[in-house]
Structures are given as structure tokens and as C-alpha cells.
Amino acid sequence: MIWFLRIIFAGVLITMLCVTTWATSYMPFWRTPESVVTHPWFIATLFDTYFGFLTYWLWLAYRESSWLARIVWLIAILALGNIAMSAYMLWVVWRLPANAGMRQVLLRPDAA
């Protein structure tokens, strides 16, 4: 299972880096047209995305014991989104043995 998670989250990270690089080369983020930024579905999607980021971060904050790590990961997630989230998951699963179970992935290291 751990190898599967490693492959999945590496794929997410690589894909997000590629698509972000492509999109930025096509049009820098700060030049997004006003008609897009003010569109109701764009705004609703941003709320949905950031509430998803917050939900993920709450699990991460449960799993991490250091407030510094919690704050750094919160900033990274809010700034980089799924790039940071997949990087965190890779950091978690690469520190586990290949025969680890989901309990060790999801729970605090001292609780697993």
C-alpha cells in the first residue's frame, strides 16, 4: 500500500508542477482577466478549494506535534495548494517502511 501511495502522490506532485509551469508560461497568475476573477463560479471554486485545504490541514495539524511545522505547512498549503499537500504526503510515506499500513499513514506517529 505504501508504494502505491508513493506513486500516486509523486504523480500528483509532478502533474501539478507541470500544469502550473505550463499555465504560468501561457499567462502569469497575476494577469488573470478580471472577467474570470469576478465570475461567481470562480469565487465559489476558490471557497471550495480553500475549505478543502483547511480540512486537509486540520488532519495535518492533528498528525504533527510541532506548532512550527503546523504553521509552515499551513502557509505552504495556502500558497501552493496540492503541490504542498502532495509533498507532505510524500514526506510522510517515504519515512514509513514499505509494509506500513494506513493506520501509520493517518495517525500520529506516536499513536500508530
C-alpha atoms as a PDB file:
ATOM      1  CA  MET A   1       0.000   0.000   0.000  1.00  0.00           C
ATOM      2  CA  ILE A   2       2.822   2.431   0.828  1.00  0.00           C
ATOM      3  CA  TRP A   3       4.387   2.011  -2.613  1.00  0.00           C
ATOM      4  CA  PHE A   4       1.011   2.755  -4.198  1.00  0.00           C
ATOM      5  CA  LEU A   5       0.712   5.962  -2.154  1.00  0.00           C
ATOM      6  CA  ARG A   6       4.257   6.952  -3.082  1.00  0.00           C
ATOM      7  CA  ILE A   7       3.468   6.532  -6.771  1.00  0.00           C
ATOM      8  CA  ILE A   8       0.127   8.352  -6.552  1.00  0.00           C
ATOM      9  CA  PHE A   9       1.445  11.371  -4.657  1.00  0.00           C
ATOM     10  CA  ALA A  10       4.589  11.576  -6.790  1.00  0.00           C
ATOM     11  CA  GLY A  11       2.267  11.613  -9.804  1.00  0.00           C
ATOM     12  CA  VAL A  12       0.153  14.365  -8.271  1.00  0.00           C
ATOM     13  CA  LEU A  13       3.236  16.445  -7.449  1.00  0.00           C
ATOM     14  CA  ILE A  14       4.791  16.029 -10.905  1.00  0.00           C
ATOM     15  CA  THR A  15       1.491  16.718 -12.671  1.00  0.00           C
ATOM     16  CA  MET A  16       0.789  19.830 -10.590  1.00  0.00           C
ATOM     17  CA  LEU A  17       4.301  21.176 -11.194  1.00  0.00           C
ATOM     18  CA  CYS A  18       3.952  20.562 -14.941  1.00  0.00           C
ATOM     19  CA  VAL A  19       0.479  22.055 -15.314  1.00  0.00           C
ATOM     20  CA  THR A  20       1.378  25.042 -13.130  1.00  0.00           C
ATOM     21  CA  THR A  21       4.525  25.674 -15.166  1.00  0.00           C
ATOM     22  CA  TRP A  22       2.554  25.364 -18.410  1.00  0.00           C
ATOM     23  CA  ALA A  23      -0.214  27.703 -17.203  1.00  0.00           C
ATOM     24  CA  THR A  24       2.288  30.278 -15.934  1.00  0.00           C
ATOM     25  CA  SER A  25       4.168  30.226 -19.245  1.00  0.00           C
ATOM     26  CA  TYR A  26       0.864  30.767 -21.055  1.00  0.00           C
ATOM     27  CA  MET A  27      -0.384  33.515 -18.736  1.00  0.00           C
ATOM     28  CA  PRO A  28       1.090  34.609 -15.396  1.00  0.00           C
ATOM     29  CA  PHE A  29      -1.289  34.178 -12.468  1.00  0.00           C
ATOM     30  CA  TRP A  30      -1.355  37.907 -11.716  1.00  0.00           C
ATOM     31  CA  ARG A  31      -2.627  38.630 -15.250  1.00  0.00           C
ATOM     32  CA  THR A  32      -5.799  36.571 -14.878  1.00  0.00           C
ATOM     33  CA  PRO A  33      -8.578  38.535 -16.612  1.00  0.00           C
ATOM     34  CA  GLU A  34     -10.981  40.409 -14.346  1.00  0.00           C
ATOM     35  CA  SER A  35     -13.931  38.666 -16.010  1.00  0.00           C
ATOM     36  CA  VAL A  36     -12.548  35.353 -14.736  1.00  0.00           C
ATOM     37  CA  VAL A  37     -11.635  36.519 -11.229  1.00  0.00           C
ATOM     38  CA  THR A  38     -15.045  38.119 -10.627  1.00  0.00           C
ATOM     39  CA  HIS A  39     -17.078  35.243 -12.090  1.00  0.00           C
ATOM     40  CA  PRO A  40     -19.358  33.682  -9.422  1.00  0.00           C
ATOM     41  CA  TRP A  41     -18.210  30.131 -10.224  1.00  0.00           C
ATOM     42  CA  PHE A  42     -14.556  31.147  -9.921  1.00  0.00           C
ATOM     43  CA  ILE A  43     -15.287  32.602  -6.481  1.00  0.00           C
ATOM     44  CA  ALA A  44     -17.311  29.527  -5.435  1.00  0.00           C
ATOM     45  CA  THR A  45     -14.489  27.254  -6.634  1.00  0.00           C
ATOM     46  CA  LEU A  46     -11.932  29.235  -4.612  1.00  0.00           C
ATOM     47  CA  PHE A  47     -14.064  28.889  -1.462  1.00  0.00           C
ATOM     48  CA  ASP A  48     -14.448  25.157  -2.117  1.00  0.00           C
ATOM     49  CA  THR A  49     -10.723  24.750  -2.749  1.00  0.00           C
ATOM     50  CA  TYR A  50      -9.590  26.650   0.336  1.00  0.00           C
ATOM     51  CA  PHE A  51     -12.093  24.888   2.603  1.00  0.00           C
ATOM     52  CA  GLY A  52     -10.641  21.626   1.248  1.00  0.00           C
ATOM     53  CA  PHE A  53      -7.149  22.901   2.035  1.00  0.00           C
ATOM     54  CA  LEU A  54      -8.284  23.806   5.559  1.00  0.00           C
ATOM     55  CA  THR A  55      -9.820  20.358   6.059  1.00  0.00           C
ATOM     56  CA  TYR A  56      -6.601  18.670   4.938  1.00  0.00           C
ATOM     57  CA  TRP A  57      -4.536  20.990   7.148  1.00  0.00           C
ATOM     58  CA  LEU A  58      -6.649  20.110  10.206  1.00  0.00           C
ATOM     59  CA  TRP A  59      -5.669  16.464   9.721  1.00  0.00           C
ATOM     60  CA  LEU A  60      -2.037  17.505   9.199  1.00  0.00           C
ATOM     61  CA  ALA A  61      -2.165  19.649  12.369  1.00  0.00           C
ATOM     62  CA  TYR A  62      -3.512  16.627  14.280  1.00  0.00           C
ATOM     63  CA  ARG A  63      -0.690  14.462  12.917  1.00  0.00           C
ATOM     64  CA  GLU A  64       2.141  16.942  13.539  1.00  0.00           C
ATOM     65  CA  SER A  65       3.183  17.708  17.115  1.00  0.00           C
ATOM     66  CA  SER A  66       5.199  20.875  16.454  1.00  0.00           C
ATOM     67  CA  TRP A  67       3.426  24.209  16.149  1.00  0.00           C
ATOM     68  CA  LEU A  68       6.208  25.436  13.882  1.00  0.00           C
ATOM     69  CA  ALA A  69       5.609  22.543  11.469  1.00  0.00           C
ATOM     70  CA  ARG A  70       1.859  23.167  11.596  1.00  0.00           C
ATOM     71  CA  ILE A  71       2.268  26.849  10.726  1.00  0.00           C
ATOM     72  CA  VAL A  72       4.852  26.238   7.992  1.00  0.00           C
ATOM     73  CA  TRP A  73       2.644  23.597   6.361  1.00  0.00           C
ATOM     74  CA  LEU A  74      -0.424  25.847   6.630  1.00  0.00           C
ATOM     75  CA  ILE A  75       1.393  28.633   4.781  1.00  0.00           C
ATOM     76  CA  ALA A  76       2.718  26.173   2.191  1.00  0.00           C
ATOM     77  CA  ILE A  77      -0.733  24.682   1.592  1.00  0.00           C
ATOM     78  CA  LEU A  78      -2.424  28.078   1.305  1.00  0.00           C
ATOM     79  CA  ALA A  79       0.265  29.286  -1.109  1.00  0.00           C
ATOM     80  CA  LEU A  80       0.919  26.133  -3.143  1.00  0.00           C
ATOM     81  CA  GLY A  81      -2.204  24.018  -2.696  1.00  0.00           C
ATOM     82  CA  ASN A  82      -1.933  20.449  -3.948  1.00  0.00           C
ATOM     83  CA  ILE A  83       1.778  20.869  -4.625  1.00  0.00           C
ATOM     84  CA  ALA A  84       2.378  21.291  -0.883  1.00  0.00           C
ATOM     85  CA  MET A  85      -0.217  18.676   0.047  1.00  0.00           C
ATOM     86  CA  SER A  86       1.339  16.013  -2.166  1.00  0.00           C
ATOM     87  CA  ALA A  87       4.823  16.989  -0.924  1.00  0.00           C
ATOM     88  CA  TYR A  88       3.638  16.481   2.669  1.00  0.00           C
ATOM     89  CA  MET A  89       2.163  13.079   1.816  1.00  0.00           C
ATOM     90  CA  LEU A  90       5.400  12.038   0.114  1.00  0.00           C
ATOM     91  CA  TRP A  91       7.322  13.205   3.186  1.00  0.00           C
ATOM     92  CA  VAL A  92       5.022  11.043   5.362  1.00  0.00           C
ATOM     93  CA  VAL A  93       5.043   7.880   3.243  1.00  0.00           C
ATOM     94  CA  TRP A  94       8.766   7.942   2.450  1.00  0.00           C
ATOM     95  CA  ARG A  95       9.517   7.891   6.189  1.00  0.00           C
ATOM     96  CA  LEU A  96       7.443   4.726   6.661  1.00  0.00           C
ATOM     97  CA  PRO A  97       8.542   1.169   5.917  1.00  0.00           C
ATOM     98  CA  ALA A  98       7.160  -0.360   2.720  1.00  0.00           C
ATOM     99  CA  ASN A  99       4.967  -2.748   4.760  1.00  0.00           C
ATOM    100  CA  ALA A 100       3.336   0.031   6.825  1.00  0.00           C
ATOM    101  CA  GLY A 101      -0.442   0.178   6.961  1.00  0.00           C
ATOM    102  CA  MET A 102      -2.896   3.028   6.580  1.00  0.00           C
ATOM    103  CA  ARG A 103      -3.041   3.412  10.351  1.00  0.00           C
ATOM    104  CA  GLN A 104       0.587   4.575  10.318  1.00  0.00           C
ATOM    105  CA  VAL A 105      -0.143   6.994   7.476  1.00  0.00           C
ATOM    106  CA  LEU A 106      -3.228   8.551   9.007  1.00  0.00           C
ATOM    107  CA  LEU A 107      -2.485   8.628  12.741  1.00  0.00           C
ATOM    108  CA  ARG A 108       0.147  10.479  14.710  1.00  0.00           C
ATOM    109  CA  PRO A 109       3.478   8.645  14.713  1.00  0.00           C
ATOM    110  CA  ASP A 110       3.192   8.103  18.483  1.00  0.00           C
ATOM    111  CA  ALA A 111      -0.362   6.726  18.147  1.00  0.00           C
ATOM    112  CA  ALA A 112       0.315   4.313  15.284  1.00  0.00           C
END
